[in-house]
N, C-alpha and C. Protein backbone atom coordinates (compact mmCIF):
# COMPACT_ATOMS: atom_id res chain seq x y z
N MET A 1 0.82 -1.20 0.00
CA MET A 1 0.00 0.00 0.00
C MET A 1 0.86 1.26 0.00
N TRP A 2 1.89 1.27 0.86
CA TRP A 2 2.77 2.44 0.91
C TRP A 2 3.51 2.62 -0.40
N ALA A 3 3.73 1.54 -1.08
CA ALA A 3 4.45 1.63 -2.35
C ALA A 3 3.64 2.42 -3.38
N LYS A 4 2.31 2.26 -3.37
CA LYS A 4 1.46 3.00 -4.32
C LYS A 4 1.44 4.50 -3.98
N ILE A 5 1.49 4.80 -2.68
CA ILE A 5 1.48 6.20 -2.27
C ILE A 5 2.77 6.90 -2.69
N PHE A 6 3.90 6.24 -2.47
CA PHE A 6 5.19 6.87 -2.77
C PHE A 6 5.67 6.63 -4.19
N ASP A 7 4.93 5.85 -4.97
CA ASP A 7 5.28 5.63 -6.37
C ASP A 7 5.06 6.93 -7.15
N ASN A 8 6.00 7.34 -7.93
CA ASN A 8 5.94 8.59 -8.72
C ASN A 8 5.70 9.81 -7.83
N LEU A 9 6.37 9.84 -6.71
CA LEU A 9 6.19 10.94 -5.75
C LEU A 9 6.56 12.29 -6.35
N GLY A 10 7.60 12.34 -7.14
CA GLY A 10 8.00 13.61 -7.78
C GLY A 10 6.94 14.12 -8.72
N LEU A 11 6.32 13.23 -9.47
CA LEU A 11 5.26 13.62 -10.40
C LEU A 11 4.03 14.13 -9.65
N LYS A 12 3.69 13.46 -8.57
CA LYS A 12 2.55 13.89 -7.76
C LYS A 12 2.82 15.25 -7.12
N PHE A 13 4.01 15.44 -6.62
CA PHE A 13 4.39 16.71 -6.01
C PHE A 13 4.37 17.83 -7.04
N GLY A 14 4.88 17.57 -8.23
CA GLY A 14 4.87 18.56 -9.32
C GLY A 14 3.45 18.93 -9.72
N ALA A 15 2.54 17.95 -9.78
CA ALA A 15 1.14 18.22 -10.12
C ALA A 15 0.49 19.09 -9.05
N LEU A 16 0.83 18.83 -7.79
CA LEU A 16 0.28 19.63 -6.70
C LEU A 16 0.76 21.09 -6.79
N ILE A 17 2.04 21.29 -7.05
CA ILE A 17 2.60 22.64 -7.19
C ILE A 17 1.94 23.35 -8.38
N LEU A 18 1.78 22.66 -9.49
CA LEU A 18 1.14 23.26 -10.68
C LEU A 18 -0.30 23.64 -10.38
N ALA A 19 -1.04 22.80 -9.66
CA ALA A 19 -2.42 23.11 -9.31
C ALA A 19 -2.48 24.33 -8.40
N LEU A 20 -1.57 24.44 -7.44
CA LEU A 20 -1.55 25.60 -6.55
C LEU A 20 -1.23 26.88 -7.31
N LEU A 21 -0.28 26.81 -8.23
CA LEU A 21 0.05 27.99 -9.03
C LEU A 21 -1.12 28.43 -9.90
N LEU A 22 -1.82 27.48 -10.50
CA LEU A 22 -2.99 27.79 -11.32
C LEU A 22 -4.10 28.41 -10.47
N TRP A 23 -4.31 27.87 -9.27
CA TRP A 23 -5.32 28.43 -8.38
C TRP A 23 -4.95 29.86 -7.97
N PHE A 24 -3.68 30.09 -7.63
CA PHE A 24 -3.24 31.41 -7.22
C PHE A 24 -3.41 32.42 -8.35
N TYR A 25 -3.08 32.03 -9.57
CA TYR A 25 -3.22 32.94 -10.72
C TYR A 25 -4.68 33.31 -10.94
N THR A 26 -5.58 32.33 -10.92
CA THR A 26 -6.99 32.65 -11.17
C THR A 26 -7.59 33.45 -10.02
N ALA A 27 -7.17 33.17 -8.79
CA ALA A 27 -7.67 33.94 -7.65
C ALA A 27 -7.19 35.38 -7.71
N ALA A 28 -5.99 35.60 -8.22
CA ALA A 28 -5.43 36.95 -8.28
C ALA A 28 -6.05 37.78 -9.40
N GLU A 29 -6.73 37.16 -10.34
CA GLU A 29 -7.36 37.88 -11.44
C GLU A 29 -8.78 38.35 -11.11
N LYS A 30 -9.35 37.87 -10.02
CA LYS A 30 -10.69 38.29 -9.64
C LYS A 30 -10.67 39.70 -9.02
N GLN A 31 -11.81 40.38 -9.07
CA GLN A 31 -11.95 41.69 -8.43
C GLN A 31 -12.30 41.49 -6.96
N TYR A 32 -11.61 42.23 -6.10
CA TYR A 32 -11.85 42.17 -4.66
C TYR A 32 -12.01 43.58 -4.11
N GLU A 33 -12.60 43.67 -2.94
CA GLU A 33 -12.66 44.93 -2.19
C GLU A 33 -11.89 44.72 -0.91
N TRP A 34 -11.15 45.75 -0.52
CA TRP A 34 -10.33 45.65 0.69
C TRP A 34 -10.28 47.02 1.36
N ASN A 35 -10.30 47.02 2.68
CA ASN A 35 -10.19 48.27 3.43
C ASN A 35 -8.75 48.52 3.83
N PHE A 36 -8.31 49.75 3.67
CA PHE A 36 -6.97 50.17 4.05
C PHE A 36 -7.07 51.31 5.05
N LYS A 37 -6.20 51.31 6.04
CA LYS A 37 -6.10 52.44 6.97
C LYS A 37 -5.01 53.37 6.45
N VAL A 38 -5.37 54.64 6.28
CA VAL A 38 -4.47 55.62 5.70
C VAL A 38 -4.23 56.73 6.72
N PRO A 39 -2.98 56.97 7.11
CA PRO A 39 -2.73 58.07 8.05
C PRO A 39 -2.83 59.42 7.34
N VAL A 40 -3.32 60.40 8.06
CA VAL A 40 -3.37 61.77 7.54
C VAL A 40 -2.24 62.52 8.21
N THR A 41 -1.33 63.04 7.42
CA THR A 41 -0.19 63.77 7.97
C THR A 41 -0.38 65.27 7.74
N PRO A 42 0.19 66.10 8.62
CA PRO A 42 0.07 67.56 8.42
C PRO A 42 0.65 68.02 7.08
N GLU A 43 1.62 67.29 6.56
CA GLU A 43 2.22 67.67 5.26
C GLU A 43 1.24 67.50 4.11
N ASP A 44 0.20 66.68 4.29
CA ASP A 44 -0.78 66.44 3.24
C ASP A 44 -2.02 67.32 3.36
N VAL A 45 -2.02 68.24 4.34
CA VAL A 45 -3.12 69.20 4.51
C VAL A 45 -2.59 70.56 4.08
N PHE A 46 -3.14 71.08 3.00
CA PHE A 46 -2.65 72.35 2.46
C PHE A 46 -3.58 73.48 2.91
N VAL A 47 -2.98 74.50 3.52
CA VAL A 47 -3.72 75.68 3.98
C VAL A 47 -3.10 76.91 3.33
N ARG A 48 -3.73 78.07 3.54
CA ARG A 48 -3.20 79.32 2.99
C ARG A 48 -1.79 79.57 3.52
N PRO A 49 -0.96 80.29 2.77
CA PRO A 49 0.40 80.59 3.25
C PRO A 49 0.42 81.38 4.56
N THR A 50 -0.64 82.13 4.84
CA THR A 50 -0.69 82.92 6.07
C THR A 50 -1.26 82.13 7.25
N CYS A 51 -1.55 80.86 7.03
CA CYS A 51 -2.18 80.03 8.07
C CYS A 51 -1.35 78.79 8.35
N ARG A 52 -1.74 78.10 9.42
CA ARG A 52 -1.11 76.83 9.79
C ARG A 52 -2.14 76.00 10.54
N LEU A 53 -1.88 74.69 10.64
CA LEU A 53 -2.73 73.83 11.46
C LEU A 53 -2.33 73.98 12.92
N ASP A 54 -3.23 73.65 13.82
CA ASP A 54 -2.95 73.84 15.24
C ASP A 54 -1.99 72.80 15.81
N GLY A 55 -1.69 71.74 15.12
CA GLY A 55 -0.73 70.75 15.59
C GLY A 55 -1.36 69.58 16.31
N SER A 56 -2.67 69.55 16.45
CA SER A 56 -3.30 68.39 17.08
C SER A 56 -3.20 67.18 16.14
N PRO A 57 -3.11 65.98 16.70
CA PRO A 57 -2.94 64.79 15.86
C PRO A 57 -4.15 64.55 14.96
N LEU A 58 -3.88 64.10 13.77
CA LEU A 58 -4.93 63.80 12.80
C LEU A 58 -5.18 62.29 12.81
N PRO A 59 -6.43 61.87 12.65
CA PRO A 59 -6.73 60.43 12.75
C PRO A 59 -6.37 59.67 11.48
N GLU A 60 -6.39 58.35 11.59
CA GLU A 60 -6.28 57.50 10.40
C GLU A 60 -7.66 57.43 9.76
N VAL A 61 -7.66 57.35 8.44
CA VAL A 61 -8.90 57.25 7.69
C VAL A 61 -8.96 55.87 7.04
N GLU A 62 -10.09 55.21 7.16
CA GLU A 62 -10.25 53.90 6.54
C GLU A 62 -10.95 54.08 5.20
N VAL A 63 -10.32 53.55 4.15
CA VAL A 63 -10.88 53.67 2.80
C VAL A 63 -11.08 52.27 2.21
N ARG A 64 -12.09 52.14 1.36
CA ARG A 64 -12.36 50.85 0.70
C ARG A 64 -11.96 50.98 -0.77
N LEU A 65 -11.09 50.05 -1.19
CA LEU A 65 -10.62 50.01 -2.58
C LEU A 65 -11.13 48.76 -3.27
N GLN A 66 -11.25 48.85 -4.59
CA GLN A 66 -11.59 47.69 -5.40
C GLN A 66 -10.52 47.55 -6.48
N ALA A 67 -10.01 46.33 -6.62
CA ALA A 67 -9.00 46.06 -7.64
C ALA A 67 -8.85 44.56 -7.79
N LYS A 68 -8.07 44.16 -8.78
CA LYS A 68 -7.75 42.74 -8.91
C LYS A 68 -6.89 42.33 -7.72
N GLY A 69 -6.94 41.05 -7.42
CA GLY A 69 -6.24 40.54 -6.26
C GLY A 69 -4.76 40.87 -6.24
N LYS A 70 -4.10 40.75 -7.40
CA LYS A 70 -2.66 41.03 -7.43
C LYS A 70 -2.37 42.51 -7.23
N ARG A 71 -3.27 43.39 -7.67
CA ARG A 71 -3.09 44.82 -7.44
C ARG A 71 -3.25 45.16 -5.96
N LEU A 72 -4.25 44.56 -5.31
CA LEU A 72 -4.42 44.79 -3.88
C LEU A 72 -3.22 44.27 -3.10
N PHE A 73 -2.69 43.14 -3.52
CA PHE A 73 -1.50 42.60 -2.87
C PHE A 73 -0.32 43.56 -3.03
N GLN A 74 -0.18 44.15 -4.21
CA GLN A 74 0.89 45.13 -4.43
C GLN A 74 0.68 46.37 -3.57
N LEU A 75 -0.57 46.81 -3.43
CA LEU A 75 -0.86 47.99 -2.61
C LEU A 75 -0.52 47.75 -1.13
N MET A 76 -0.69 46.52 -0.68
CA MET A 76 -0.39 46.22 0.72
C MET A 76 1.10 46.38 1.02
N PHE A 77 1.94 46.16 0.02
CA PHE A 77 3.38 46.17 0.27
C PHE A 77 4.13 47.25 -0.50
N SER A 78 3.41 48.14 -1.17
CA SER A 78 4.08 49.22 -1.89
C SER A 78 4.10 50.47 -1.02
N GLU A 79 4.43 51.59 -1.62
CA GLU A 79 4.40 52.84 -0.87
C GLU A 79 2.98 53.09 -0.37
N PRO A 80 2.85 53.71 0.78
CA PRO A 80 1.53 53.84 1.40
C PRO A 80 0.60 54.78 0.63
N LEU A 81 -0.68 54.56 0.84
CA LEU A 81 -1.69 55.47 0.30
C LEU A 81 -1.62 56.78 1.08
N ARG A 82 -2.13 57.85 0.48
CA ARG A 82 -2.12 59.15 1.15
C ARG A 82 -3.49 59.79 1.04
N ILE A 83 -3.79 60.63 2.01
CA ILE A 83 -4.98 61.47 1.97
C ILE A 83 -4.49 62.90 1.77
N CYS A 84 -4.94 63.54 0.71
CA CYS A 84 -4.53 64.91 0.40
C CYS A 84 -5.74 65.84 0.59
N ILE A 85 -5.55 66.87 1.40
CA ILE A 85 -6.64 67.80 1.72
C ILE A 85 -6.25 69.21 1.31
N ASP A 86 -7.06 69.82 0.47
CA ASP A 86 -6.82 71.20 0.05
C ASP A 86 -7.77 72.11 0.83
N ALA A 87 -7.23 72.74 1.88
CA ALA A 87 -8.03 73.63 2.71
C ALA A 87 -7.63 75.08 2.50
N THR A 88 -7.09 75.40 1.32
CA THR A 88 -6.64 76.76 1.04
C THR A 88 -7.82 77.73 0.90
N ALA A 89 -9.00 77.22 0.66
CA ALA A 89 -10.16 78.11 0.50
C ALA A 89 -10.78 78.49 1.84
N TYR A 90 -10.29 77.93 2.93
CA TYR A 90 -10.90 78.17 4.24
C TYR A 90 -10.10 79.17 5.05
N ARG A 91 -10.83 79.97 5.80
CA ARG A 91 -10.21 80.97 6.67
C ARG A 91 -9.88 80.35 8.01
N PRO A 92 -9.10 81.04 8.83
CA PRO A 92 -8.78 80.51 10.17
C PRO A 92 -10.04 80.22 10.98
N GLY A 93 -9.97 79.15 11.73
CA GLY A 93 -11.08 78.71 12.55
C GLY A 93 -11.18 77.19 12.52
N GLU A 94 -12.24 76.67 13.11
CA GLU A 94 -12.47 75.23 13.09
C GLU A 94 -13.38 74.89 11.93
N LEU A 95 -13.10 73.76 11.28
CA LEU A 95 -13.97 73.32 10.22
C LEU A 95 -14.02 71.81 10.19
N ASP A 96 -15.15 71.28 9.76
CA ASP A 96 -15.31 69.85 9.53
C ASP A 96 -15.17 69.64 8.03
N TYR A 97 -14.04 69.06 7.62
CA TYR A 97 -13.75 68.86 6.20
C TYR A 97 -14.32 67.51 5.78
N ALA A 98 -15.20 67.51 4.78
CA ALA A 98 -15.81 66.28 4.28
C ALA A 98 -14.84 65.56 3.36
N LEU A 99 -14.51 64.34 3.69
CA LEU A 99 -13.61 63.53 2.87
C LEU A 99 -14.38 62.83 1.76
N THR A 100 -13.78 62.78 0.59
CA THR A 100 -14.38 62.08 -0.55
C THR A 100 -13.32 61.15 -1.14
N PRO A 101 -13.72 60.20 -1.98
CA PRO A 101 -12.72 59.33 -2.61
C PRO A 101 -11.65 60.08 -3.40
N SER A 102 -11.96 61.29 -3.86
CA SER A 102 -10.95 62.05 -4.62
C SER A 102 -9.81 62.55 -3.73
N ASN A 103 -9.98 62.50 -2.40
CA ASN A 103 -8.91 62.89 -1.49
C ASN A 103 -7.83 61.81 -1.35
N VAL A 104 -8.13 60.59 -1.80
CA VAL A 104 -7.18 59.48 -1.66
C VAL A 104 -6.22 59.47 -2.84
N ILE A 105 -4.93 59.48 -2.53
CA ILE A 105 -3.89 59.45 -3.56
C ILE A 105 -3.30 58.04 -3.60
N LEU A 106 -3.43 57.40 -4.75
CA LEU A 106 -2.88 56.05 -4.94
C LEU A 106 -1.45 56.14 -5.46
N PRO A 107 -0.62 55.15 -5.16
CA PRO A 107 0.73 55.14 -5.74
C PRO A 107 0.65 55.06 -7.27
N ARG A 108 1.73 55.46 -7.90
CA ARG A 108 1.77 55.46 -9.37
C ARG A 108 1.46 54.06 -9.93
N GLU A 109 0.82 54.03 -11.06
CA GLU A 109 0.56 52.81 -11.83
C GLU A 109 -0.27 51.77 -11.09
N GLN A 110 -1.01 52.17 -10.08
CA GLN A 110 -1.87 51.21 -9.39
C GLN A 110 -3.27 51.33 -9.96
N MET A 111 -3.72 50.26 -10.58
CA MET A 111 -5.05 50.28 -11.18
C MET A 111 -6.05 49.78 -10.15
N ALA A 112 -6.55 50.73 -9.37
CA ALA A 112 -7.53 50.43 -8.33
C ALA A 112 -8.55 51.57 -8.30
N THR A 113 -9.70 51.29 -7.73
CA THR A 113 -10.76 52.27 -7.61
C THR A 113 -11.05 52.51 -6.14
N VAL A 114 -11.11 53.76 -5.75
CA VAL A 114 -11.49 54.09 -4.38
C VAL A 114 -13.02 54.11 -4.36
N LEU A 115 -13.60 53.15 -3.64
CA LEU A 115 -15.06 53.05 -3.61
C LEU A 115 -15.69 54.04 -2.63
N GLU A 116 -15.11 54.11 -1.43
CA GLU A 116 -15.70 55.00 -0.43
C GLU A 116 -14.74 55.25 0.71
N ILE A 117 -15.05 56.30 1.44
CA ILE A 117 -14.38 56.57 2.70
C ILE A 117 -15.23 55.87 3.76
N VAL A 118 -14.66 54.89 4.44
CA VAL A 118 -15.42 54.15 5.44
C VAL A 118 -15.57 54.99 6.70
N GLY A 119 -14.51 55.63 7.13
CA GLY A 119 -14.63 56.48 8.31
C GLY A 119 -13.28 56.94 8.80
N PRO A 120 -13.20 58.02 9.45
CA PRO A 120 -14.26 59.02 9.61
C PRO A 120 -14.52 59.75 8.29
N LYS A 121 -15.74 60.15 8.10
CA LYS A 121 -16.11 60.83 6.85
C LYS A 121 -15.82 62.32 6.90
N PHE A 122 -15.58 62.85 8.10
CA PHE A 122 -15.24 64.26 8.28
C PHE A 122 -14.00 64.34 9.15
N LEU A 123 -13.14 65.31 8.83
CA LEU A 123 -11.98 65.59 9.66
C LEU A 123 -12.16 66.98 10.27
N ARG A 124 -11.97 67.07 11.57
CA ARG A 124 -12.03 68.37 12.23
C ARG A 124 -10.65 69.00 12.14
N LEU A 125 -10.58 70.12 11.46
CA LEU A 125 -9.32 70.85 11.29
C LEU A 125 -9.41 72.18 12.03
N LYS A 126 -8.34 72.53 12.71
CA LYS A 126 -8.24 73.84 13.36
C LYS A 126 -7.16 74.61 12.61
N ILE A 127 -7.59 75.64 11.91
CA ILE A 127 -6.66 76.47 11.14
C ILE A 127 -6.41 77.75 11.91
N LEU A 128 -5.14 78.04 12.14
CA LEU A 128 -4.74 79.23 12.89
C LEU A 128 -3.96 80.17 11.98
N LEU A 129 -3.95 81.45 12.34
CA LEU A 129 -3.09 82.40 11.63
C LEU A 129 -1.64 82.12 11.99
N ARG A 130 -0.79 82.19 10.99
CA ARG A 130 0.65 82.02 11.23
C ARG A 130 1.16 83.29 11.90
N GLU A 131 1.95 83.13 12.97
CA GLU A 131 2.47 84.29 13.67
C GLU A 131 3.62 84.87 12.88
N VAL A 132 3.56 86.17 12.67
CA VAL A 132 4.60 86.87 11.92
C VAL A 132 5.46 87.62 12.91
N ASP A 133 6.76 87.42 12.81
CA ASP A 133 7.67 88.16 13.70
C ASP A 133 7.68 89.62 13.27
N SER A 134 7.40 90.49 14.24
CA SER A 134 7.43 91.92 13.93
C SER A 134 8.83 92.46 14.19
N PRO A 135 9.26 93.47 13.42
CA PRO A 135 10.59 94.02 13.63
C PRO A 135 10.67 94.72 14.98
N PRO A 136 11.85 94.77 15.60
CA PRO A 136 11.99 95.42 16.90
C PRO A 136 11.67 96.92 16.79
N ASP A 137 11.12 97.44 17.86
CA ASP A 137 10.72 98.85 17.90
C ASP A 137 11.91 99.70 18.31
N ASP A 138 12.37 100.61 17.46
CA ASP A 138 13.54 101.47 17.73
C ASP A 138 13.09 102.89 18.08
N MET A 139 12.12 103.01 18.94
CA MET A 139 11.60 104.33 19.30
C MET A 139 12.57 105.10 20.19
N GLY A 140 13.45 104.42 20.93
CA GLY A 140 14.32 105.09 21.88
C GLY A 140 15.53 105.75 21.24
N SER A 141 15.86 105.55 20.02
CA SER A 141 17.07 106.14 19.45
C SER A 141 16.84 107.39 18.67
């Protein structure tokens, strides 16, 4: 009995490897949806030149992407996704900025679709006036 199991073992092992490779290829060609957590950094929030952010930490945003399996696998291990926020139209103060899929920046050559912002859907931003150093007062001379 054991002789039948171990007979042509190399051929059986090769067939198993070939079947696994074929399964992996077909699974990677299907469309999948996956959620990614994307950090929001102060460098990716653009405000007027006369303004600045208050420095409070910004949350991670969860986004849902759709792509082929191999593209999602590449996204997991490539350069990170980014959230880009253009707040140059807003004046100093607090604002709730509504995030949309267009705020998500994908790495180059990644064929994926941003389906939605899972959460948070709004970011609370505190925009402050940038302090300008005034020249010293020379009234005494």
